[in-house]
Amino acid sequence: MEFLHSVLVVGHMIGLAAIVGTFLLQMRKNGDFAVLAIFGGAITQLVTGLALVGVAEMGDGDLNYAKIGTKLVIALAVFVAALLAWLKARKGTNDRSIKPFFHAAGGLALVNVVLAVFW
């Protein structure tokens, strides 16, 4: 079970890097956002995060459900923002309509990192 937990943590960190790394690199751009990387990272974060909670549920430790619930709501908001950005980019709309969703996804992912570390 410990090996599975480690694999899921690695996947969770890769999803985090995809979102936050892309966001920080492209934060000041006005166009041509890499929304597919953020969308893929958001999916990875959600799936591995839920799996990590499931693995933790099977263990002995006590879980902080308020923290898990808060982080899940924020992760869902990141996913929705990334999905909307990806759909707009796929449709071929202008970059001005994608930018708010791109920034929302990246900023909320950073908030989730801060919550994970300090809560």
N, C-alpha and C. Protein backbone atom coordinates (compact mmCIF):
# COMPACT_ATOMS: atom_id res chain seq x y z
N MET A 1 0.82 -1.19 0.00
CA MET A 1 0.00 0.00 0.00
C MET A 1 0.87 1.26 0.00
N GLU A 2 2.02 1.15 0.64
CA GLU A 2 2.92 2.30 0.69
C GLU A 2 3.46 2.63 -0.71
N PHE A 3 3.72 1.61 -1.50
CA PHE A 3 4.20 1.84 -2.86
C PHE A 3 3.14 2.56 -3.69
N LEU A 4 1.88 2.12 -3.57
CA LEU A 4 0.79 2.78 -4.29
C LEU A 4 0.66 4.24 -3.87
N HIS A 5 0.78 4.50 -2.57
CA HIS A 5 0.72 5.87 -2.07
C HIS A 5 1.84 6.71 -2.70
N SER A 6 3.04 6.16 -2.76
CA SER A 6 4.18 6.89 -3.34
C SER A 6 3.97 7.17 -4.83
N VAL A 7 3.44 6.19 -5.56
CA VAL A 7 3.16 6.38 -6.98
C VAL A 7 2.13 7.49 -7.17
N LEU A 8 1.09 7.48 -6.34
CA LEU A 8 0.06 8.51 -6.44
C LEU A 8 0.60 9.89 -6.09
N VAL A 9 1.49 9.98 -5.11
CA VAL A 9 2.09 11.27 -4.75
C VAL A 9 2.93 11.79 -5.91
N VAL A 10 3.68 10.90 -6.56
CA VAL A 10 4.48 11.32 -7.72
C VAL A 10 3.57 11.84 -8.82
N GLY A 11 2.49 11.13 -9.10
CA GLY A 11 1.54 11.59 -10.11
C GLY A 11 0.90 12.92 -9.73
N HIS A 12 0.61 13.09 -8.45
CA HIS A 12 0.02 14.34 -7.97
C HIS A 12 0.99 15.51 -8.17
N MET A 13 2.27 15.27 -7.90
CA MET A 13 3.28 16.32 -8.08
C MET A 13 3.49 16.64 -9.57
N ILE A 14 3.38 15.64 -10.42
CA ILE A 14 3.50 15.89 -11.86
C ILE A 14 2.33 16.75 -12.34
N GLY A 15 1.12 16.45 -11.87
CA GLY A 15 -0.03 17.28 -12.20
C GLY A 15 0.13 18.70 -11.70
N LEU A 16 0.66 18.83 -10.49
CA LEU A 16 0.93 20.15 -9.92
C LEU A 16 1.93 20.92 -10.77
N ALA A 17 2.99 20.25 -11.17
CA ALA A 17 4.01 20.90 -12.01
C ALA A 17 3.43 21.33 -13.35
N ALA A 18 2.55 20.52 -13.91
CA ALA A 18 1.94 20.88 -15.20
C ALA A 18 1.12 22.15 -15.08
N ILE A 19 0.38 22.29 -13.99
CA ILE A 19 -0.46 23.48 -13.83
C ILE A 19 0.38 24.69 -13.43
N VAL A 20 1.08 24.57 -12.33
CA VAL A 20 1.78 25.73 -11.77
C VAL A 20 2.96 26.14 -12.65
N GLY A 21 3.68 25.17 -13.17
CA GLY A 21 4.82 25.50 -14.04
C GLY A 21 4.38 26.24 -15.29
N THR A 22 3.35 25.72 -15.93
CA THR A 22 2.82 26.38 -17.13
C THR A 22 2.29 27.76 -16.80
N PHE A 23 1.57 27.87 -15.70
CA PHE A 23 1.01 29.16 -15.30
C PHE A 23 2.11 30.18 -15.03
N LEU A 24 3.12 29.81 -14.27
CA LEU A 24 4.18 30.76 -13.94
C LEU A 24 4.99 31.17 -15.17
N LEU A 25 5.19 30.24 -16.10
CA LEU A 25 5.94 30.58 -17.31
C LEU A 25 5.16 31.48 -18.25
N GLN A 26 3.85 31.34 -18.27
CA GLN A 26 3.05 32.08 -19.25
C GLN A 26 2.18 33.17 -18.61
N MET A 27 2.39 33.45 -17.36
CA MET A 27 1.53 34.37 -16.63
C MET A 27 1.46 35.76 -17.27
N ARG A 28 2.54 36.24 -17.81
CA ARG A 28 2.56 37.60 -18.36
C ARG A 28 2.26 37.66 -19.85
N LYS A 29 2.02 36.51 -20.46
CA LYS A 29 1.71 36.49 -21.89
C LYS A 29 0.30 36.99 -22.14
N ASN A 30 0.06 37.45 -23.34
CA ASN A 30 -1.27 37.91 -23.72
C ASN A 30 -1.95 36.98 -24.71
N GLY A 31 -1.27 35.91 -25.07
CA GLY A 31 -1.86 34.99 -26.03
C GLY A 31 -1.07 33.71 -26.12
N ASP A 32 -1.61 32.78 -26.91
CA ASP A 32 -0.98 31.49 -27.16
C ASP A 32 -0.69 30.73 -25.86
N PHE A 33 -1.72 30.59 -25.02
CA PHE A 33 -1.58 29.91 -23.75
C PHE A 33 -1.56 28.40 -23.95
N ALA A 34 -0.78 27.71 -23.13
CA ALA A 34 -0.70 26.25 -23.18
C ALA A 34 -1.80 25.67 -22.29
N VAL A 35 -3.03 25.81 -22.72
CA VAL A 35 -4.16 25.38 -21.90
C VAL A 35 -4.27 23.85 -21.82
N LEU A 36 -3.75 23.16 -22.80
CA LEU A 36 -3.80 21.69 -22.75
C LEU A 36 -2.97 21.15 -21.59
N ALA A 37 -1.83 21.77 -21.32
CA ALA A 37 -0.99 21.35 -20.19
C ALA A 37 -1.71 21.59 -18.87
N ILE A 38 -2.36 22.72 -18.75
CA ILE A 38 -3.09 23.03 -17.52
C ILE A 38 -4.30 22.10 -17.37
N PHE A 39 -4.99 21.83 -18.45
CA PHE A 39 -6.14 20.94 -18.41
C PHE A 39 -5.71 19.52 -18.03
N GLY A 40 -4.65 19.04 -18.63
CA GLY A 40 -4.13 17.71 -18.29
C GLY A 40 -3.66 17.64 -16.85
N GLY A 41 -3.02 18.70 -16.38
CA GLY A 41 -2.58 18.75 -14.98
C GLY A 41 -3.76 18.76 -14.03
N ALA A 42 -4.83 19.47 -14.39
CA ALA A 42 -6.01 19.53 -13.53
C ALA A 42 -6.67 18.15 -13.42
N ILE A 43 -6.74 17.44 -14.54
CA ILE A 43 -7.31 16.08 -14.50
C ILE A 43 -6.44 15.18 -13.63
N THR A 44 -5.13 15.27 -13.82
CA THR A 44 -4.20 14.45 -13.04
C THR A 44 -4.32 14.75 -11.55
N GLN A 45 -4.40 16.03 -11.20
CA GLN A 45 -4.53 16.42 -9.80
C GLN A 45 -5.81 15.87 -9.18
N LEU A 46 -6.91 15.98 -9.89
CA LEU A 46 -8.18 15.50 -9.35
C LEU A 46 -8.16 13.98 -9.15
N VAL A 47 -7.72 13.26 -10.15
CA VAL A 47 -7.74 11.80 -10.08
C VAL A 47 -6.79 11.29 -8.99
N THR A 48 -5.56 11.80 -8.98
CA THR A 48 -4.60 11.32 -7.99
C THR A 48 -4.97 11.80 -6.58
N GLY A 49 -5.51 13.00 -6.46
CA GLY A 49 -5.94 13.49 -5.16
C GLY A 49 -7.04 12.64 -4.56
N LEU A 50 -8.04 12.31 -5.38
CA LEU A 50 -9.11 11.44 -4.89
C LEU A 50 -8.59 10.05 -4.55
N ALA A 51 -7.67 9.55 -5.36
CA ALA A 51 -7.09 8.23 -5.08
C ALA A 51 -6.26 8.26 -3.79
N LEU A 52 -5.54 9.36 -3.55
CA LEU A 52 -4.77 9.48 -2.31
C LEU A 52 -5.68 9.47 -1.09
N VAL A 53 -6.82 10.15 -1.18
CA VAL A 53 -7.77 10.14 -0.07
C VAL A 53 -8.32 8.73 0.12
N GLY A 54 -8.61 8.03 -0.97
CA GLY A 54 -9.08 6.65 -0.87
C GLY A 54 -8.08 5.74 -0.21
N VAL A 55 -6.81 5.87 -0.57
CA VAL A 55 -5.76 5.05 0.04
C VAL A 55 -5.62 5.42 1.52
N ALA A 56 -5.70 6.70 1.85
CA ALA A 56 -5.60 7.13 3.24
C ALA A 56 -6.78 6.61 4.06
N GLU A 57 -7.94 6.54 3.43
CA GLU A 57 -9.12 6.00 4.13
C GLU A 57 -8.91 4.55 4.53
N MET A 58 -8.18 3.81 3.71
CA MET A 58 -7.94 2.39 4.02
C MET A 58 -6.91 2.21 5.13
N GLY A 59 -6.16 3.25 5.41
CA GLY A 59 -5.12 3.18 6.44
C GLY A 59 -5.68 3.47 7.82
N ASP A 60 -4.75 3.65 8.77
CA ASP A 60 -5.14 3.85 10.17
C ASP A 60 -5.32 5.31 10.53
N GLY A 61 -4.71 6.23 9.78
CA GLY A 61 -4.64 7.63 10.18
C GLY A 61 -5.97 8.36 10.15
N ASP A 62 -6.03 9.40 10.94
CA ASP A 62 -7.19 10.28 10.94
C ASP A 62 -7.03 11.29 9.83
N LEU A 63 -8.12 11.58 9.14
CA LEU A 63 -8.09 12.53 8.03
C LEU A 63 -8.78 13.82 8.43
N ASN A 64 -8.27 14.92 7.92
CA ASN A 64 -8.88 16.22 8.15
C ASN A 64 -9.86 16.46 6.99
N TYR A 65 -11.12 16.15 7.22
CA TYR A 65 -12.12 16.22 6.15
C TYR A 65 -12.43 17.65 5.73
N ALA A 66 -12.26 18.60 6.63
CA ALA A 66 -12.46 20.00 6.26
C ALA A 66 -11.41 20.42 5.23
N LYS A 67 -10.17 20.03 5.47
CA LYS A 67 -9.09 20.34 4.53
C LYS A 67 -9.31 19.63 3.20
N ILE A 68 -9.67 18.36 3.26
CA ILE A 68 -9.90 17.60 2.04
C ILE A 68 -11.04 18.20 1.24
N GLY A 69 -12.12 18.57 1.91
CA GLY A 69 -13.27 19.17 1.23
C GLY A 69 -12.93 20.51 0.61
N THR A 70 -12.20 21.33 1.34
CA THR A 70 -11.80 22.64 0.82
C THR A 70 -10.92 22.50 -0.40
N LYS A 71 -9.92 21.61 -0.29
CA LYS A 71 -9.02 21.40 -1.41
C LYS A 71 -9.73 20.80 -2.62
N LEU A 72 -10.72 19.94 -2.37
CA LEU A 72 -11.49 19.35 -3.47
C LEU A 72 -12.31 20.41 -4.19
N VAL A 73 -12.95 21.30 -3.44
CA VAL A 73 -13.72 22.38 -4.08
C VAL A 73 -12.82 23.25 -4.94
N ILE A 74 -11.65 23.59 -4.41
CA ILE A 74 -10.72 24.42 -5.19
C ILE A 74 -10.21 23.66 -6.41
N ALA A 75 -9.91 22.37 -6.24
CA ALA A 75 -9.44 21.55 -7.37
C ALA A 75 -10.52 21.45 -8.45
N LEU A 76 -11.77 21.34 -8.04
CA LEU A 76 -12.86 21.32 -9.03
C LEU A 76 -12.97 22.66 -9.75
N ALA A 77 -12.75 23.76 -9.04
CA ALA A 77 -12.77 25.07 -9.69
C ALA A 77 -11.61 25.20 -10.68
N VAL A 78 -10.44 24.68 -10.32
CA VAL A 78 -9.30 24.67 -11.25
C VAL A 78 -9.64 23.86 -12.48
N PHE A 79 -10.24 22.69 -12.28
CA PHE A 79 -10.62 21.83 -13.40
C PHE A 79 -11.62 22.52 -14.32
N VAL A 80 -12.64 23.15 -13.74
CA VAL A 80 -13.66 23.82 -14.56
C VAL A 80 -13.04 24.98 -15.33
N ALA A 81 -12.19 25.78 -14.68
CA ALA A 81 -11.54 26.89 -15.37
C ALA A 81 -10.65 26.38 -16.50
N ALA A 82 -9.90 25.31 -16.25
CA ALA A 82 -9.03 24.74 -17.28
C ALA A 82 -9.86 24.15 -18.42
N LEU A 83 -10.97 23.51 -18.08
CA LEU A 83 -11.85 22.94 -19.11
C LEU A 83 -12.44 24.04 -19.99
N LEU A 84 -12.91 25.12 -19.37
CA LEU A 84 -13.47 26.22 -20.15
C LEU A 84 -12.42 26.88 -21.04
N ALA A 85 -11.20 27.03 -20.52
CA ALA A 85 -10.11 27.58 -21.33
C ALA A 85 -9.80 26.67 -22.50
N TRP A 86 -9.76 25.37 -22.23
CA TRP A 86 -9.46 24.41 -23.29
C TRP A 86 -10.55 24.40 -24.36
N LEU A 87 -11.81 24.45 -23.92
CA LEU A 87 -12.91 24.48 -24.89
C LEU A 87 -12.87 25.74 -25.75
N LYS A 88 -12.58 26.88 -25.12
CA LYS A 88 -12.49 28.14 -25.89
C LYS A 88 -11.31 28.09 -26.87
N ALA A 89 -10.19 27.54 -26.43
CA ALA A 89 -9.02 27.44 -27.31
C ALA A 89 -9.30 26.49 -28.48
N ARG A 90 -10.00 25.40 -28.19
CA ARG A 90 -10.32 24.45 -29.25
C ARG A 90 -11.29 25.04 -30.25
N LYS A 91 -12.18 25.88 -29.76
CA LYS A 91 -13.15 26.52 -30.64
C LYS A 91 -12.49 27.59 -31.50
N GLY A 92 -11.32 28.05 -31.08
CA GLY A 92 -10.60 29.05 -31.85
C GLY A 92 -10.94 30.48 -31.49
N THR A 93 -11.49 30.70 -30.31
CA THR A 93 -11.80 32.06 -29.89
C THR A 93 -10.52 32.82 -29.59
N ASN A 94 -10.67 34.11 -29.43
CA ASN A 94 -9.47 34.94 -29.21
C ASN A 94 -8.87 34.68 -27.83
N ASP A 95 -7.61 35.04 -27.70
CA ASP A 95 -6.88 34.79 -26.46
C ASP A 95 -7.37 35.64 -25.29
N ARG A 96 -8.02 36.75 -25.58
CA ARG A 96 -8.53 37.59 -24.49
C ARG A 96 -9.62 36.88 -23.70
N SER A 97 -10.39 36.02 -24.34
CA SER A 97 -11.45 35.30 -23.63
C SER A 97 -10.90 34.08 -22.89
N ILE A 98 -9.71 33.63 -23.25
CA ILE A 98 -9.09 32.48 -22.59
C ILE A 98 -8.32 32.92 -21.36
N LYS A 99 -7.74 34.09 -21.40
CA LYS A 99 -6.84 34.56 -20.35
C LYS A 99 -7.45 34.52 -18.95
N PRO A 100 -8.69 34.97 -18.72
CA PRO A 100 -9.23 34.90 -17.35
C PRO A 100 -9.33 33.48 -16.80
N PHE A 101 -9.69 32.53 -17.65
CA PHE A 101 -9.79 31.14 -17.21
C PHE A 101 -8.40 30.55 -16.93
N PHE A 102 -7.44 30.92 -17.76
CA PHE A 102 -6.06 30.49 -17.58
C PHE A 102 -5.53 30.98 -16.23
N HIS A 103 -5.75 32.26 -15.94
CA HIS A 103 -5.27 32.84 -14.69
C HIS A 103 -6.04 32.30 -13.48
N ALA A 104 -7.32 32.05 -13.64
CA ALA A 104 -8.10 31.47 -12.53
C ALA A 104 -7.58 30.08 -12.18
N ALA A 105 -7.34 29.26 -13.20
CA ALA A 105 -6.85 27.90 -12.95
C ALA A 105 -5.48 27.94 -12.28
N GLY A 106 -4.58 28.74 -12.79
CA GLY A 106 -3.24 28.81 -12.20
C GLY A 106 -3.23 29.42 -10.81
N GLY A 107 -3.98 30.48 -10.62
CA GLY A 107 -4.02 31.13 -9.31
C GLY A 107 -4.65 30.25 -8.25
N LEU A 108 -5.75 29.59 -8.59
CA LEU A 108 -6.39 28.69 -7.63
C LEU A 108 -5.52 27.47 -7.32
N ALA A 109 -4.76 27.01 -8.30
CA ALA A 109 -3.84 25.90 -8.03
C ALA A 109 -2.77 26.33 -7.03
N LEU A 110 -2.30 27.56 -7.15
CA LEU A 110 -1.33 28.07 -6.17
C LEU A 110 -1.96 28.18 -4.78
N VAL A 111 -3.21 28.58 -4.72
CA VAL A 111 -3.92 28.64 -3.43
C VAL A 111 -3.99 27.24 -2.83
N ASN A 112 -4.25 26.24 -3.65
CA ASN A 112 -4.32 24.86 -3.17
C ASN A 112 -2.97 24.38 -2.64
N VAL A 113 -1.90 24.80 -3.27
CA VAL A 113 -0.56 24.44 -2.79
C VAL A 113 -0.32 25.06 -1.41
N VAL A 114 -0.68 26.32 -1.26
CA VAL A 114 -0.50 26.99 0.02
C VAL A 114 -1.33 26.29 1.12
N LEU A 115 -2.57 25.92 0.79
CA LEU A 115 -3.39 25.20 1.75
C LEU A 115 -2.77 23.85 2.13
N ALA A 116 -2.23 23.16 1.14
CA ALA A 116 -1.63 21.85 1.41
C ALA A 116 -0.43 21.97 2.35
N VAL A 117 0.32 23.03 2.19
CA VAL A 117 1.54 23.17 2.99
C VAL A 117 1.26 23.71 4.39
N PHE A 118 0.42 24.72 4.48
CA PHE A 118 0.26 25.42 5.75
C PHE A 118 -0.94 24.99 6.60
N TRP A 119 -1.85 24.17 6.05
CA TRP A 119 -3.00 23.75 6.85
C TRP A 119 -2.74 22.40 7.44
